[in-house]
Amino acid sequence: MNKFKWHVMLIAFVISLILFWGGSYLFKRHFRENPLEAELNGIEAVERVEINGDRKHLHVDVYTQYTDNLPELVTEIDRILSAQVKQEYTFDLHDHRNEKIEAFFREVEPAVYEGARVGNYRSIQETVANIASEHSIDEYYFSVDHQYVYLQVKDGDNYLFVVIPHFRSIEEDKLS
């Protein structure tokens, strides 16, 4: 009479799971994340990239060097991600702040978010200019496009990048 060998079945099951998860990990890492990471690292202002996430959502941390054109950097990152990533994604830019820039941003942050919310971009520009002169900020740049409000500040080797999505679309502005 044949006896069922449970230990052989259990070992085969464990080996199958290891092969499945190992193969899945290798596929994800070498055929998705590595090419995405290489393309993002190819952007001039990008120092390094960290990719995290699951099947439903991908999150990318982008560590940057200073660039004079923040909107171009964000557009390029967004273009690469939208072309290569099939699920929802988000990304964060990591800058190099110092206490002076942090103090400046704490003071200007409410005006930037309020201006982005109501679409009062000239008010943001005026507030940023006034507070930048109070804090003796070397350089600042404020801009707006169809998708984001951008603020970049530079003080010596330190810098701040802030990218805020519009809280209401331009189509709503046209209807107002």
N, C-alpha and C. Protein backbone atom coordinates (compact mmCIF):
# COMPACT_ATOMS: atom_id res chain seq x y z
N MET A 1 0.83 -1.17 0.00
CA MET A 1 0.00 0.00 0.00
C MET A 1 0.89 1.25 0.00
N ASN A 2 0.52 2.25 -0.82
CA ASN A 2 1.30 3.48 -0.91
C ASN A 2 1.01 4.39 0.27
N LYS A 3 2.05 4.87 0.90
CA LYS A 3 1.89 5.83 1.99
C LYS A 3 2.19 7.22 1.44
N PHE A 4 1.37 8.15 1.83
CA PHE A 4 1.57 9.54 1.39
C PHE A 4 2.68 10.15 2.23
N LYS A 5 3.67 10.72 1.57
CA LYS A 5 4.83 11.27 2.27
C LYS A 5 4.62 12.77 2.45
N TRP A 6 4.12 13.13 3.61
CA TRP A 6 3.80 14.52 3.92
C TRP A 6 5.06 15.40 3.94
N HIS A 7 6.12 14.90 4.47
CA HIS A 7 7.32 15.72 4.54
C HIS A 7 7.86 16.07 3.15
N VAL A 8 7.74 15.17 2.19
CA VAL A 8 8.17 15.46 0.81
C VAL A 8 7.25 16.52 0.20
N MET A 9 5.97 16.37 0.46
CA MET A 9 4.99 17.34 -0.06
C MET A 9 5.22 18.72 0.55
N LEU A 10 5.48 18.79 1.83
CA LEU A 10 5.74 20.06 2.50
C LEU A 10 7.03 20.71 1.96
N ILE A 11 8.07 19.96 1.79
CA ILE A 11 9.33 20.49 1.25
C ILE A 11 9.11 21.00 -0.17
N ALA A 12 8.38 20.27 -0.99
CA ALA A 12 8.10 20.70 -2.36
C ALA A 12 7.28 21.99 -2.36
N PHE A 13 6.33 22.10 -1.45
CA PHE A 13 5.51 23.31 -1.35
C PHE A 13 6.36 24.52 -0.95
N VAL A 14 7.22 24.36 0.04
CA VAL A 14 8.08 25.45 0.50
C VAL A 14 9.04 25.87 -0.61
N ILE A 15 9.62 24.94 -1.32
CA ILE A 15 10.52 25.26 -2.43
C ILE A 15 9.76 26.00 -3.53
N SER A 16 8.54 25.59 -3.81
CA SER A 16 7.72 26.27 -4.83
C SER A 16 7.44 27.71 -4.43
N LEU A 17 7.10 27.95 -3.16
CA LEU A 17 6.85 29.31 -2.69
C LEU A 17 8.11 30.17 -2.80
N ILE A 18 9.25 29.61 -2.40
CA ILE A 18 10.51 30.35 -2.48
C ILE A 18 10.82 30.71 -3.93
N LEU A 19 10.65 29.78 -4.84
CA LEU A 19 10.91 30.06 -6.25
C LEU A 19 9.94 31.10 -6.80
N PHE A 20 8.68 31.03 -6.42
CA PHE A 20 7.69 31.99 -6.91
C PHE A 20 8.02 33.40 -6.41
N TRP A 21 8.21 33.56 -5.09
CA TRP A 21 8.49 34.88 -4.55
C TRP A 21 9.87 35.40 -4.98
N GLY A 22 10.83 34.52 -5.05
CA GLY A 22 12.16 34.93 -5.52
C GLY A 22 12.13 35.38 -6.97
N GLY A 23 11.42 34.64 -7.81
CA GLY A 23 11.29 35.02 -9.22
C GLY A 23 10.53 36.33 -9.38
N SER A 24 9.50 36.50 -8.58
CA SER A 24 8.72 37.74 -8.62
C SER A 24 9.57 38.93 -8.21
N TYR A 25 10.36 38.76 -7.16
CA TYR A 25 11.24 39.83 -6.70
C TYR A 25 12.28 40.17 -7.77
N LEU A 26 12.91 39.15 -8.32
CA LEU A 26 13.93 39.39 -9.35
C LEU A 26 13.35 40.09 -10.57
N PHE A 27 12.16 39.66 -10.99
CA PHE A 27 11.52 40.30 -12.14
C PHE A 27 11.25 41.77 -11.84
N LYS A 28 10.66 42.03 -10.68
CA LYS A 28 10.33 43.41 -10.30
C LYS A 28 11.59 44.26 -10.21
N ARG A 29 12.62 43.76 -9.57
CA ARG A 29 13.83 44.54 -9.35
C ARG A 29 14.61 44.77 -10.64
N HIS A 30 14.81 43.73 -11.44
CA HIS A 30 15.70 43.84 -12.59
C HIS A 30 15.02 44.29 -13.87
N PHE A 31 13.72 44.09 -13.99
CA PHE A 31 13.06 44.48 -15.24
C PHE A 31 12.17 45.70 -15.10
N ARG A 32 11.90 46.13 -13.87
CA ARG A 32 11.10 47.34 -13.68
C ARG A 32 11.89 48.43 -12.98
N GLU A 33 12.34 48.15 -11.76
CA GLU A 33 12.96 49.19 -10.94
C GLU A 33 14.33 49.61 -11.46
N ASN A 34 15.18 48.69 -11.85
CA ASN A 34 16.52 49.06 -12.32
C ASN A 34 16.48 49.97 -13.55
N PRO A 35 15.68 49.65 -14.59
CA PRO A 35 15.62 50.58 -15.73
C PRO A 35 15.03 51.94 -15.35
N LEU A 36 14.02 51.96 -14.50
CA LEU A 36 13.42 53.22 -14.05
C LEU A 36 14.45 54.03 -13.26
N GLU A 37 15.14 53.37 -12.35
CA GLU A 37 16.15 54.03 -11.54
C GLU A 37 17.28 54.58 -12.43
N ALA A 38 17.70 53.81 -13.41
CA ALA A 38 18.78 54.25 -14.31
C ALA A 38 18.34 55.47 -15.12
N GLU A 39 17.11 55.47 -15.61
CA GLU A 39 16.65 56.60 -16.41
C GLU A 39 16.50 57.86 -15.56
N LEU A 40 15.96 57.71 -14.35
CA LEU A 40 15.84 58.87 -13.47
C LEU A 40 17.22 59.39 -13.05
N ASN A 41 18.16 58.50 -12.78
CA ASN A 41 19.51 58.92 -12.42
C ASN A 41 20.23 59.58 -13.59
N GLY A 42 19.73 59.39 -14.80
CA GLY A 42 20.30 60.03 -15.97
C GLY A 42 19.97 61.51 -16.07
N ILE A 43 19.01 61.98 -15.29
CA ILE A 43 18.68 63.40 -15.28
C ILE A 43 19.81 64.13 -14.56
N GLU A 44 20.24 65.23 -15.13
CA GLU A 44 21.44 65.92 -14.65
C GLU A 44 21.36 66.31 -13.16
N ALA A 45 20.23 66.80 -12.69
CA ALA A 45 20.12 67.30 -11.32
C ALA A 45 19.81 66.21 -10.30
N VAL A 46 19.68 64.97 -10.72
CA VAL A 46 19.33 63.88 -9.81
C VAL A 46 20.60 63.22 -9.28
N GLU A 47 20.73 63.18 -7.94
CA GLU A 47 21.87 62.51 -7.30
C GLU A 47 21.62 61.02 -7.17
N ARG A 48 20.45 60.67 -6.64
CA ARG A 48 20.08 59.26 -6.46
C ARG A 48 18.57 59.14 -6.33
N VAL A 49 18.11 57.91 -6.44
CA VAL A 49 16.67 57.63 -6.43
C VAL A 49 16.42 56.43 -5.54
N GLU A 50 15.34 56.47 -4.77
CA GLU A 50 14.89 55.31 -4.00
C GLU A 50 13.46 55.00 -4.41
N ILE A 51 13.21 53.75 -4.76
CA ILE A 51 11.89 53.34 -5.24
C ILE A 51 11.27 52.40 -4.21
N ASN A 52 10.04 52.72 -3.82
CA ASN A 52 9.30 51.90 -2.85
C ASN A 52 7.87 51.76 -3.36
N GLY A 53 7.18 50.77 -2.87
CA GLY A 53 5.78 50.66 -3.22
C GLY A 53 5.33 49.23 -3.36
N ASP A 54 4.09 49.09 -3.80
CA ASP A 54 3.50 47.79 -4.00
C ASP A 54 2.84 47.77 -5.38
N ARG A 55 1.96 46.81 -5.59
CA ARG A 55 1.32 46.68 -6.90
C ARG A 55 0.38 47.82 -7.23
N LYS A 56 -0.19 48.45 -6.22
CA LYS A 56 -1.18 49.51 -6.46
C LYS A 56 -0.57 50.90 -6.53
N HIS A 57 0.51 51.12 -5.81
CA HIS A 57 1.07 52.47 -5.73
C HIS A 57 2.59 52.42 -5.63
N LEU A 58 3.24 53.26 -6.41
CA LEU A 58 4.69 53.36 -6.38
C LEU A 58 5.07 54.73 -5.84
N HIS A 59 6.06 54.76 -4.96
CA HIS A 59 6.56 56.02 -4.44
C HIS A 59 8.05 56.12 -4.73
N VAL A 60 8.46 57.27 -5.29
CA VAL A 60 9.85 57.47 -5.66
C VAL A 60 10.38 58.68 -4.89
N ASP A 61 11.48 58.48 -4.17
CA ASP A 61 12.18 59.57 -3.50
C ASP A 61 13.34 59.97 -4.40
N VAL A 62 13.35 61.24 -4.82
CA VAL A 62 14.38 61.74 -5.72
C VAL A 62 15.25 62.72 -4.94
N TYR A 63 16.52 62.39 -4.79
CA TYR A 63 17.48 63.24 -4.11
C TYR A 63 18.20 64.06 -5.17
N THR A 64 18.15 65.38 -5.00
CA THR A 64 18.56 66.27 -6.08
C THR A 64 19.79 67.11 -5.74
N GLN A 65 20.37 67.64 -6.81
CA GLN A 65 21.34 68.72 -6.72
C GLN A 65 20.57 69.98 -7.07
N TYR A 66 21.18 71.13 -6.89
CA TYR A 66 20.49 72.36 -7.25
C TYR A 66 20.37 72.48 -8.77
N THR A 67 19.24 72.96 -9.22
CA THR A 67 19.02 73.26 -10.63
C THR A 67 18.37 74.63 -10.73
N ASP A 68 18.69 75.33 -11.79
CA ASP A 68 18.08 76.65 -12.01
C ASP A 68 16.66 76.54 -12.54
N ASN A 69 16.28 75.35 -13.01
CA ASN A 69 14.97 75.21 -13.64
C ASN A 69 14.18 74.07 -12.99
N LEU A 70 13.56 74.36 -11.87
CA LEU A 70 12.77 73.36 -11.14
C LEU A 70 11.60 72.83 -11.97
N PRO A 71 10.84 73.69 -12.67
CA PRO A 71 9.74 73.15 -13.48
C PRO A 71 10.20 72.12 -14.52
N GLU A 72 11.34 72.36 -15.14
CA GLU A 72 11.86 71.41 -16.12
C GLU A 72 12.23 70.08 -15.47
N LEU A 73 12.84 70.14 -14.29
CA LEU A 73 13.20 68.92 -13.56
C LEU A 73 11.95 68.11 -13.22
N VAL A 74 10.94 68.76 -12.68
CA VAL A 74 9.70 68.06 -12.30
C VAL A 74 9.01 67.48 -13.54
N THR A 75 8.98 68.23 -14.62
CA THR A 75 8.35 67.76 -15.86
C THR A 75 9.07 66.52 -16.38
N GLU A 76 10.40 66.52 -16.34
CA GLU A 76 11.18 65.38 -16.82
C GLU A 76 10.96 64.15 -15.95
N ILE A 77 10.95 64.32 -14.63
CA ILE A 77 10.70 63.20 -13.73
C ILE A 77 9.30 62.64 -13.98
N ASP A 78 8.32 63.52 -14.08
CA ASP A 78 6.94 63.10 -14.32
C ASP A 78 6.79 62.39 -15.66
N ARG A 79 7.49 62.87 -16.68
CA ARG A 79 7.43 62.24 -18.00
C ARG A 79 7.96 60.81 -17.94
N ILE A 80 9.10 60.62 -17.30
CA ILE A 80 9.70 59.29 -17.18
C ILE A 80 8.79 58.36 -16.40
N LEU A 81 8.28 58.83 -15.28
CA LEU A 81 7.42 57.98 -14.45
C LEU A 81 6.13 57.62 -15.19
N SER A 82 5.51 58.57 -15.86
CA SER A 82 4.26 58.25 -16.55
C SER A 82 4.48 57.30 -17.72
N ALA A 83 5.67 57.33 -18.32
CA ALA A 83 5.96 56.43 -19.43
C ALA A 83 6.29 55.01 -18.96
N GLN A 84 6.91 54.88 -17.79
CA GLN A 84 7.38 53.57 -17.36
C GLN A 84 6.55 52.90 -16.27
N VAL A 85 5.78 53.67 -15.54
CA VAL A 85 5.04 53.11 -14.40
C VAL A 85 3.57 52.97 -14.78
N LYS A 86 3.05 51.77 -14.61
CA LYS A 86 1.66 51.50 -15.00
C LYS A 86 0.66 51.77 -13.87
N GLN A 87 1.11 51.69 -12.61
CA GLN A 87 0.20 51.95 -11.49
C GLN A 87 0.30 53.41 -11.07
N GLU A 88 -0.50 53.79 -10.08
CA GLU A 88 -0.42 55.15 -9.55
C GLU A 88 0.96 55.36 -8.94
N TYR A 89 1.43 56.60 -9.01
CA TYR A 89 2.74 56.89 -8.45
C TYR A 89 2.76 58.29 -7.86
N THR A 90 3.68 58.48 -6.93
CA THR A 90 3.99 59.79 -6.38
C THR A 90 5.51 59.89 -6.29
N PHE A 91 5.99 61.11 -6.22
CA PHE A 91 7.42 61.29 -6.01
C PHE A 91 7.65 62.51 -5.14
N ASP A 92 8.71 62.45 -4.36
CA ASP A 92 9.12 63.55 -3.50
C ASP A 92 10.52 63.98 -3.90
N LEU A 93 10.71 65.29 -3.95
CA LEU A 93 12.04 65.84 -4.18
C LEU A 93 12.68 66.11 -2.83
N HIS A 94 13.91 65.68 -2.66
CA HIS A 94 14.65 65.93 -1.42
C HIS A 94 15.74 66.96 -1.73
N ASP A 95 15.70 68.05 -1.01
CA ASP A 95 16.63 69.15 -1.23
C ASP A 95 17.61 69.23 -0.07
N HIS A 96 18.40 70.30 -0.02
CA HIS A 96 19.40 70.50 1.04
C HIS A 96 19.10 71.83 1.72
N ARG A 97 18.36 71.78 2.82
CA ARG A 97 17.94 72.99 3.52
C ARG A 97 18.87 73.29 4.69
N ASN A 98 18.90 74.56 5.05
CA ASN A 98 19.56 74.95 6.29
C ASN A 98 18.54 75.68 7.16
N GLU A 99 18.93 76.12 8.33
CA GLU A 99 17.99 76.76 9.26
C GLU A 99 17.41 78.05 8.69
N LYS A 100 18.23 78.80 7.99
CA LYS A 100 17.77 80.06 7.40
C LYS A 100 16.67 79.81 6.36
N ILE A 101 16.87 78.82 5.52
CA ILE A 101 15.86 78.48 4.51
C ILE A 101 14.61 77.92 5.18
N GLU A 102 14.80 77.09 6.21
CA GLU A 102 13.64 76.54 6.94
C GLU A 102 12.82 77.67 7.57
N ALA A 103 13.48 78.64 8.18
CA ALA A 103 12.77 79.77 8.80
C ALA A 103 12.02 80.57 7.74
N PHE A 104 12.68 80.80 6.62
CA PHE A 104 12.03 81.50 5.50
C PHE A 104 10.78 80.74 5.05
N PHE A 105 10.91 79.43 4.86
CA PHE A 105 9.78 78.66 4.35
C PHE A 105 8.64 78.58 5.36
N ARG A 106 8.96 78.47 6.63
CA ARG A 106 7.89 78.45 7.64
C ARG A 106 7.06 79.73 7.57
N GLU A 107 7.73 80.82 7.29
CA GLU A 107 7.04 82.11 7.22
C GLU A 107 6.23 82.27 5.93
N VAL A 108 6.74 81.77 4.84
CA VAL A 108 6.10 81.97 3.54
C VAL A 108 5.10 80.85 3.19
N GLU A 109 5.20 79.71 3.84
CA GLU A 109 4.38 78.55 3.50
C GLU A 109 2.87 78.81 3.49
N PRO A 110 2.30 79.45 4.51
CA PRO A 110 0.84 79.68 4.47
C PRO A 110 0.41 80.50 3.25
N ALA A 111 1.19 81.52 2.91
CA ALA A 111 0.83 82.36 1.76
C ALA A 111 0.93 81.56 0.45
N VAL A 112 1.92 80.68 0.36
CA VAL A 112 2.08 79.88 -0.86
C VAL A 112 0.90 78.92 -1.02
N TYR A 113 0.53 78.24 0.04
CA TYR A 113 -0.59 77.29 -0.06
C TYR A 113 -1.92 78.02 -0.27
N GLU A 114 -2.11 79.15 0.39
CA GLU A 114 -3.33 79.92 0.18
C GLU A 114 -3.40 80.43 -1.25
N GLY A 115 -2.30 80.96 -1.75
CA GLY A 115 -2.28 81.45 -3.13
C GLY A 115 -2.53 80.35 -4.14
N ALA A 116 -1.97 79.16 -3.88
CA ALA A 116 -2.22 78.02 -4.77
C ALA A 116 -3.68 77.60 -4.71
N ARG A 117 -4.27 77.69 -3.54
CA ARG A 117 -5.67 77.28 -3.37
C ARG A 117 -6.63 78.21 -4.09
N VAL A 118 -6.41 79.50 -3.97
CA VAL A 118 -7.35 80.45 -4.57
C VAL A 118 -6.90 80.97 -5.93
N GLY A 119 -5.69 80.61 -6.34
CA GLY A 119 -5.20 81.04 -7.65
C GLY A 119 -4.66 82.46 -7.66
N ASN A 120 -4.25 82.96 -6.50
CA ASN A 120 -3.73 84.32 -6.40
C ASN A 120 -2.20 84.27 -6.43
N TYR A 121 -1.65 84.11 -7.62
CA TYR A 121 -0.22 83.87 -7.78
C TYR A 121 0.60 85.14 -7.60
N ARG A 122 0.06 86.28 -7.93
CA ARG A 122 0.80 87.54 -7.73
C ARG A 122 0.99 87.82 -6.24
N SER A 123 0.01 87.45 -5.46
CA SER A 123 0.14 87.61 -4.01
C SER A 123 1.27 86.74 -3.48
N ILE A 124 1.38 85.51 -4.00
CA ILE A 124 2.48 84.63 -3.59
C ILE A 124 3.81 85.29 -3.94
N GLN A 125 3.91 85.79 -5.15
CA GLN A 125 5.16 86.40 -5.62
C GLN A 125 5.56 87.57 -4.72
N GLU A 126 4.60 88.42 -4.38
CA GLU A 126 4.89 89.57 -3.52
C GLU A 126 5.33 89.14 -2.13
N THR A 127 4.62 88.17 -1.57
CA THR A 127 4.95 87.68 -0.23
C THR A 127 6.34 87.04 -0.22
N VAL A 128 6.63 86.22 -1.22
CA VAL A 128 7.94 85.58 -1.30
C VAL A 128 9.03 86.63 -1.41
N ALA A 129 8.84 87.64 -2.25
CA ALA A 129 9.85 88.68 -2.42
C ALA A 129 10.09 89.44 -1.12
N ASN A 130 9.02 89.82 -0.43
CA ASN A 130 9.16 90.56 0.83
C ASN A 130 9.88 89.74 1.90
N ILE A 131 9.45 88.51 2.07
CA ILE A 131 10.04 87.67 3.12
C ILE A 131 11.47 87.26 2.76
N ALA A 132 11.75 87.08 1.47
CA ALA A 132 13.11 86.75 1.05
C ALA A 132 14.07 87.89 1.39
N SER A 133 13.62 89.12 1.20
CA SER A 133 14.51 90.25 1.54
C SER A 133 14.69 90.37 3.05
N GLU A 134 13.65 90.07 3.83
CA GLU A 134 13.77 90.09 5.29
C GLU A 134 14.77 89.05 5.80
N HIS A 135 14.83 87.90 5.12
CA HIS A 135 15.71 86.80 5.54
C HIS A 135 17.05 86.81 4.81
N SER A 136 17.30 87.82 3.99
CA SER A 136 18.55 87.93 3.21
C SER A 136 18.84 86.66 2.41
N ILE A 137 17.83 86.19 1.70
CA ILE A 137 17.97 85.01 0.86
C ILE A 137 18.73 85.39 -0.41
N ASP A 138 19.74 84.59 -0.77
CA ASP A 138 20.56 84.86 -1.95
C ASP A 138 19.73 84.88 -3.23
N GLU A 139 19.03 83.79 -3.48
CA GLU A 139 18.25 83.67 -4.72
C GLU A 139 16.93 82.99 -4.40
N TYR A 140 15.90 83.40 -5.12
CA TYR A 140 14.63 82.67 -5.07
C TYR A 140 13.99 82.76 -6.44
N TYR A 141 13.16 81.78 -6.71
CA TYR A 141 12.47 81.73 -7.99
C TYR A 141 11.09 81.16 -7.74
N PHE A 142 10.08 81.86 -8.19
CA PHE A 142 8.70 81.42 -8.05
C PHE A 142 8.10 81.33 -9.44
N SER A 143 7.41 80.23 -9.73
CA SER A 143 6.75 80.11 -11.04
C SER A 143 5.53 79.23 -10.92
N VAL A 144 4.72 79.30 -11.96
CA VAL A 144 3.46 78.56 -12.02
C VAL A 144 3.32 78.00 -13.42
N ASP A 145 2.84 76.77 -13.52
CA ASP A 145 2.44 76.25 -14.82
C ASP A 145 1.04 75.67 -14.69
N HIS A 146 0.61 74.91 -15.67
CA HIS A 146 -0.76 74.39 -15.67
C HIS A 146 -1.02 73.35 -14.59
N GLN A 147 0.03 72.84 -13.96
CA GLN A 147 -0.14 71.75 -13.01
C GLN A 147 0.34 72.08 -11.59
N TYR A 148 1.42 72.86 -11.48
CA TYR A 148 2.05 73.07 -10.18
C TYR A 148 2.40 74.54 -9.93
N VAL A 149 2.60 74.83 -8.65
CA VAL A 149 3.21 76.07 -8.20
C VAL A 149 4.60 75.68 -7.70
N TYR A 150 5.62 76.38 -8.16
CA TYR A 150 7.01 76.04 -7.84
C TYR A 150 7.66 77.16 -7.03
N LEU A 151 8.40 76.78 -6.02
CA LEU A 151 9.20 77.73 -5.27
C LEU A 151 10.57 77.10 -5.05
N GLN A 152 11.60 77.80 -5.50
CA GLN A 152 12.95 77.33 -5.21
C GLN A 152 13.73 78.48 -4.61
N VAL A 153 14.51 78.14 -3.60
CA VAL A 153 15.26 79.12 -2.84
C VAL A 153 16.69 78.60 -2.71
N LYS A 154 17.65 79.51 -2.84
CA LYS A 154 19.05 79.12 -2.69
C LYS A 154 19.74 80.07 -1.73
N ASP A 155 20.52 79.49 -0.83
CA ASP A 155 21.32 80.25 0.12
C ASP A 155 22.66 79.55 0.22
N GLY A 156 23.66 80.05 -0.48
CA GLY A 156 24.96 79.40 -0.50
C GLY A 156 24.85 78.04 -1.17
N ASP A 157 25.29 77.00 -0.47
CA ASP A 157 25.21 75.64 -1.01
C ASP A 157 23.90 74.95 -0.65
N ASN A 158 23.05 75.60 0.11
CA ASN A 158 21.78 75.02 0.54
C ASN A 158 20.65 75.53 -0.33
N TYR A 159 19.63 74.70 -0.48
CA TYR A 159 18.52 75.08 -1.33
C TYR A 159 17.25 74.34 -0.93
N LEU A 160 16.15 74.92 -1.37
CA LEU A 160 14.81 74.41 -1.08
C LEU A 160 14.06 74.28 -2.39
N PHE A 161 13.39 73.15 -2.59
CA PHE A 161 12.50 72.95 -3.72
C PHE A 161 11.11 72.63 -3.16
N VAL A 162 10.12 73.41 -3.54
CA VAL A 162 8.75 73.14 -3.14
C VAL A 162 7.91 73.09 -4.41
N VAL A 163 7.15 72.00 -4.55
CA VAL A 163 6.27 71.83 -5.70
C VAL A 163 4.88 71.53 -5.14
N ILE A 164 3.93 72.42 -5.43
CA ILE A 164 2.59 72.28 -4.89
C ILE A 164 1.60 72.15 -6.05
N PRO A 165 0.81 71.09 -6.06
CA PRO A 165 -0.18 70.97 -7.13
C PRO A 165 -1.25 72.05 -6.98
N HIS A 166 -1.79 72.48 -8.12
CA HIS A 166 -2.91 73.41 -8.06
C HIS A 166 -4.06 72.72 -7.35
N PHE A 167 -4.73 73.45 -6.49
CA PHE A 167 -5.85 72.87 -5.78
C PHE A 167 -7.14 72.96 -6.58
N ARG A 168 -7.14 73.79 -7.58
CA ARG A 168 -8.27 73.82 -8.49
C ARG A 168 -7.72 73.95 -9.89
N SER A 169 -8.42 73.37 -10.82
CA SER A 169 -7.89 73.31 -12.17
C SER A 169 -8.08 74.64 -12.88
N ILE A 170 -7.34 74.81 -13.95
CA ILE A 170 -7.44 76.02 -14.77
C ILE A 170 -8.82 76.08 -15.41
N GLU A 171 -9.43 74.94 -15.71
CA GLU A 171 -10.77 74.94 -16.29
C GLU A 171 -11.77 75.59 -15.34
N GLU A 172 -11.62 75.32 -14.02
CA GLU A 172 -12.49 75.98 -13.05
C GLU A 172 -12.25 77.47 -13.06
N ASP A 173 -11.00 77.90 -13.20
CA ASP A 173 -10.71 79.32 -13.25
C ASP A 173 -11.39 79.97 -14.44
N LYS A 174 -11.45 79.28 -15.56
CA LYS A 174 -12.07 79.82 -16.76
C LYS A 174 -13.58 79.97 -16.58
N LEU A 175 -14.16 79.13 -15.74
CA LEU A 175 -15.60 79.19 -15.52
C LEU A 175 -15.99 80.26 -14.52
N SER A 176 -15.06 80.70 -13.70
CA SER A 176 -15.37 81.67 -12.65
C SER A 176 -15.65 83.04 -13.22
